[in-house]
Amino acid sequence: MTVPFSMGEARGMWDEFMTLLWTKGVPSTHTWAAYMAFFVVQILLAAVAPGLTMEGLPTAPHGKRLKYHCNGYAAFYACVVCLFVADYTAVNYGIGYDLTHMASNFGEYLIASIIIGDLTSLYWYVYGLMVDQPGSSAPTGNIAYDFFMGTVLYPRIDFGLGTFEVDIKMVAEARWSWVTLFLLTLSCAIKQFRDTGSVSGQMGIMVLAHW
């Protein structure tokens, strides 16, 4: 970590940061499309992928036991397989999604994921304030506290098509976030292999760890 000891150093660091942000951090149309597709697909997989349906512990305010469709394994591997197919078609036929794009444009994906995550949080915050529902948490009036703690106790999406309700907290905490981390590491490993012809032991350990 670099600490500036003068205004000149601080301005230089700020200029470098802004240059890096504008040249490496502004998401392209391709990046937006890829991450939004990933975002939506994770919700759909959470609803339709096969898995066990379990009841959770009694919840406030009436002791209701919510059902959870535990299909993380199926959703994860379906996502990975689809991405490998998309990568194969991109490399060989020019149609699809090159898995190395994530490693080569990490800054763009980082900014895109931050923006999408913030907008998702803002949506559920406003939704909790605007919609009177049994699963609402009484707002305190402290915007910072209410935004962080949430105004909806158990945010869920029901597609009404005979599929399972999608628990947004489960998807946000396990599907969008951790799957993104694994795919980023996998992307780096694939890029390293294509650039050098091999994958280092350190990279292999990171892929294994995040998998």
Protein backbone atom coordinates (compact mmCIF):
# COMPACT_ATOMS: atom_id res chain seq x y z
CA MET A 1 0.00 0.00 0.00
CA THR A 2 1.37 3.40 -0.98
CA VAL A 3 0.74 6.37 1.32
CA PRO A 4 1.19 9.86 -0.19
CA PHE A 5 3.21 12.28 1.91
CA SER A 6 2.51 15.39 -0.13
CA MET A 7 -0.26 16.92 -2.21
CA GLY A 8 1.83 16.31 -5.30
CA GLU A 9 2.05 12.58 -4.59
CA ALA A 10 -1.67 12.45 -3.79
CA ARG A 11 -2.57 14.17 -7.07
CA GLY A 12 -0.27 11.81 -8.95
CA MET A 13 -1.90 8.76 -7.36
CA TRP A 14 -5.35 10.16 -8.12
CA ASP A 15 -4.41 10.82 -11.75
CA GLU A 16 -3.05 7.27 -12.08
CA PHE A 17 -6.22 5.86 -10.55
CA MET A 18 -8.50 7.83 -12.87
CA THR A 19 -6.43 6.84 -15.90
CA LEU A 20 -6.62 3.19 -14.88
CA LEU A 21 -10.36 3.49 -14.23
CA TRP A 22 -11.14 5.07 -17.61
CA THR A 23 -8.85 2.77 -19.60
CA LYS A 24 -9.44 -0.54 -17.79
CA GLY A 25 -12.56 -0.12 -15.67
CA VAL A 26 -15.37 1.14 -17.90
CA PRO A 27 -17.42 -1.94 -18.88
CA SER A 28 -17.81 -2.52 -22.60
CA THR A 29 -21.07 -3.66 -24.18
CA HIS A 30 -19.63 -7.17 -24.37
CA THR A 31 -18.83 -7.16 -20.65
CA TRP A 32 -22.27 -5.83 -19.70
CA ALA A 33 -23.99 -8.45 -21.86
CA ALA A 34 -21.86 -11.28 -20.47
CA TYR A 35 -22.34 -10.37 -16.82
CA MET A 36 -26.04 -9.62 -17.15
CA ALA A 37 -26.53 -12.99 -18.86
CA PHE A 38 -24.67 -14.65 -15.97
CA PHE A 39 -26.77 -12.67 -13.48
CA VAL A 40 -30.08 -13.78 -14.98
CA VAL A 41 -29.01 -17.37 -15.65
CA GLN A 42 -28.09 -17.86 -11.99
CA ILE A 43 -31.62 -16.84 -10.99
CA LEU A 44 -33.18 -19.18 -13.55
CA LEU A 45 -30.94 -22.09 -12.54
CA ALA A 46 -31.86 -21.53 -8.90
CA ALA A 47 -35.51 -21.94 -9.92
CA VAL A 48 -35.37 -24.91 -12.27
CA ALA A 49 -32.19 -26.95 -11.69
CA PRO A 50 -32.84 -30.31 -9.99
CA GLY A 51 -32.12 -30.66 -6.29
CA LEU A 52 -33.54 -31.42 -2.85
CA THR A 53 -36.26 -29.23 -1.39
CA MET A 54 -35.80 -28.69 2.33
CA GLU A 55 -37.67 -26.72 4.98
CA GLY A 56 -35.77 -24.13 6.95
CA LEU A 57 -36.06 -23.29 10.62
CA PRO A 58 -39.18 -21.43 11.85
CA THR A 59 -38.89 -17.79 10.83
CA ALA A 60 -40.22 -14.50 12.17
CA PRO A 61 -42.80 -13.16 12.52
CA HIS A 62 -45.16 -16.17 12.52
CA GLY A 63 -42.84 -19.17 12.71
CA LYS A 64 -43.33 -20.07 9.05
CA ARG A 65 -40.90 -22.65 7.67
CA LEU A 66 -39.72 -21.50 4.26
CA LYS A 67 -38.82 -24.04 1.61
CA TYR A 68 -35.36 -23.99 0.08
CA HIS A 69 -34.59 -25.68 -3.21
CA CYS A 70 -31.03 -26.90 -2.65
CA ASN A 71 -29.71 -27.29 -6.19
CA GLY A 72 -26.31 -25.62 -5.88
CA TYR A 73 -24.35 -28.55 -7.34
CA ALA A 74 -26.60 -28.88 -10.38
CA ALA A 75 -26.68 -25.12 -11.00
CA PHE A 76 -22.90 -24.78 -10.60
CA TYR A 77 -21.94 -27.57 -12.97
CA ALA A 78 -24.61 -26.62 -15.50
CA CYS A 79 -23.12 -23.12 -15.54
CA VAL A 80 -19.56 -24.42 -15.95
CA VAL A 81 -20.50 -26.86 -18.73
CA CYS A 82 -22.41 -24.16 -20.65
CA LEU A 83 -19.44 -21.80 -20.36
CA PHE A 84 -17.02 -24.43 -21.67
CA VAL A 85 -19.34 -25.03 -24.63
CA ALA A 86 -19.57 -21.28 -25.24
CA ASP A 87 -15.77 -21.02 -25.00
CA TYR A 88 -15.28 -23.87 -27.49
CA THR A 89 -17.62 -22.31 -30.03
CA ALA A 90 -16.01 -18.88 -29.53
CA VAL A 91 -12.48 -20.19 -30.08
CA ASN A 92 -13.31 -22.48 -33.00
CA TYR A 93 -16.22 -20.74 -34.70
CA GLY A 94 -16.10 -17.14 -33.50
CA ILE A 95 -19.54 -17.42 -31.87
CA GLY A 96 -19.92 -17.71 -28.11
CA TYR A 97 -17.99 -16.47 -25.11
CA ASP A 98 -14.21 -16.71 -24.76
CA LEU A 99 -13.52 -17.65 -21.13
CA THR A 100 -10.27 -15.67 -21.14
CA HIS A 101 -12.24 -12.45 -21.64
CA MET A 102 -12.87 -12.22 -17.91
CA ALA A 103 -9.17 -12.39 -17.03
CA SER A 104 -8.23 -9.93 -19.77
CA ASN A 105 -10.91 -7.43 -18.71
CA PHE A 106 -11.01 -7.93 -14.95
CA GLY A 107 -11.49 -4.22 -14.21
CA GLU A 108 -14.58 -4.04 -16.41
CA TYR A 109 -16.16 -7.06 -14.75
CA LEU A 110 -15.30 -5.71 -11.31
CA ILE A 111 -17.05 -2.39 -11.97
CA ALA A 112 -20.01 -4.09 -13.69
CA SER A 113 -20.52 -6.48 -10.76
CA ILE A 114 -20.30 -3.63 -8.24
CA ILE A 115 -22.90 -1.56 -10.12
CA ILE A 116 -25.27 -4.51 -10.56
CA GLY A 117 -24.87 -5.51 -6.92
CA ASP A 118 -25.58 -1.98 -5.71
CA LEU A 119 -28.64 -1.62 -7.96
CA THR A 120 -29.97 -4.99 -6.77
CA SER A 121 -29.58 -3.91 -3.14
CA LEU A 122 -31.25 -0.57 -3.87
CA TYR A 123 -34.15 -2.31 -5.63
CA TRP A 124 -34.92 -4.54 -2.63
CA TYR A 125 -34.53 -1.62 -0.23
CA VAL A 126 -37.09 0.46 -2.15
CA TYR A 127 -39.31 -2.58 -2.69
CA GLY A 128 -39.46 -3.17 1.06
CA LEU A 129 -40.45 0.44 1.66
CA MET A 130 -43.09 0.56 -1.07
CA VAL A 131 -44.77 -2.83 -0.70
CA ASP A 132 -46.59 -3.83 2.48
CA GLN A 133 -45.96 -7.55 2.90
CA PRO A 134 -45.79 -10.12 5.72
CA GLY A 135 -42.05 -10.53 5.22
CA SER A 136 -41.22 -6.88 5.69
CA SER A 137 -38.87 -5.59 8.33
CA ALA A 138 -40.13 -2.46 10.03
CA PRO A 139 -37.97 0.46 8.85
CA THR A 140 -36.29 2.46 11.60
CA GLY A 141 -36.06 5.67 9.58
CA ASN A 142 -32.27 5.48 9.61
CA ILE A 143 -31.53 5.11 5.90
CA ALA A 144 -28.03 3.70 6.35
CA TYR A 145 -29.21 1.12 8.90
CA ASP A 146 -32.32 0.13 6.95
CA PHE A 147 -30.38 -0.21 3.71
CA PHE A 148 -27.71 -2.42 5.32
CA MET A 149 -30.09 -4.58 7.39
CA GLY A 150 -32.76 -4.72 4.69
CA THR A 151 -36.42 -3.82 4.54
CA VAL A 152 -37.49 -7.29 3.35
CA LEU A 153 -36.81 -10.21 5.67
CA TYR A 154 -36.99 -12.97 3.09
CA PRO A 155 -36.81 -11.55 -0.45
CA ARG A 156 -38.00 -14.14 -2.95
CA ILE A 157 -39.03 -14.35 -6.58
CA ASP A 158 -41.94 -16.57 -7.59
CA PHE A 159 -42.10 -17.05 -11.35
CA GLY A 160 -45.57 -18.61 -11.07
CA LEU A 161 -44.70 -21.28 -13.62
CA GLY A 162 -44.70 -24.25 -11.29
CA THR A 163 -41.04 -23.70 -10.47
CA PHE A 164 -39.61 -23.10 -7.03
CA GLU A 165 -39.37 -19.71 -5.37
CA VAL A 166 -35.90 -18.22 -5.70
CA ASP A 167 -34.42 -17.04 -2.42
CA ILE A 168 -32.51 -13.89 -3.32
CA LYS A 169 -30.27 -13.98 -0.25
CA MET A 170 -29.10 -17.48 -1.12
CA VAL A 171 -28.44 -16.54 -4.74
CA ALA A 172 -26.67 -13.30 -3.82
CA GLU A 173 -24.46 -14.81 -1.13
CA ALA A 174 -23.57 -18.07 -2.87
CA ARG A 175 -24.36 -17.98 -6.61
CA TRP A 176 -23.49 -14.52 -7.96
CA SER A 177 -20.54 -13.89 -5.66
CA TRP A 178 -18.69 -17.18 -5.22
CA VAL A 179 -19.37 -18.51 -8.70
CA THR A 180 -17.99 -15.23 -10.09
CA LEU A 181 -14.80 -15.74 -8.06
CA PHE A 182 -14.37 -19.29 -9.33
CA LEU A 183 -14.99 -18.28 -12.95
CA LEU A 184 -12.44 -15.46 -12.65
CA THR A 185 -9.80 -17.89 -11.35
CA LEU A 186 -10.71 -20.42 -14.04
CA SER A 187 -10.45 -17.67 -16.66
CA CYS A 188 -6.95 -16.77 -15.45
CA ALA A 189 -5.88 -20.42 -15.58
CA ILE A 190 -7.17 -20.86 -19.13
CA LYS A 191 -5.48 -17.63 -20.22
CA GLN A 192 -2.20 -18.76 -18.65
CA PHE A 193 -2.42 -22.09 -20.47
CA ARG A 194 -3.12 -20.46 -23.82
CA ASP A 195 -0.33 -17.91 -23.34
CA THR A 196 2.37 -20.24 -21.98
CA GLY A 197 1.24 -23.78 -22.79
CA SER A 198 0.98 -24.80 -19.14
CA VAL A 199 -0.73 -24.00 -15.84
CA SER A 200 1.49 -23.24 -12.86
CA GLY A 201 1.15 -25.17 -9.61
CA GLN A 202 0.08 -22.00 -7.81
CA MET A 203 -2.67 -21.33 -10.34
CA GLY A 204 -3.82 -24.93 -10.15
CA ILE A 205 -4.08 -24.69 -6.37
CA MET A 206 -6.19 -21.53 -6.63
CA VAL A 207 -8.56 -23.11 -9.15
CA LEU A 208 -8.90 -26.14 -6.86
CA ALA A 209 -9.44 -23.97 -3.79
CA HIS A 210 -12.14 -21.81 -5.38
CA TRP A 211 -13.79 -24.87 -6.95
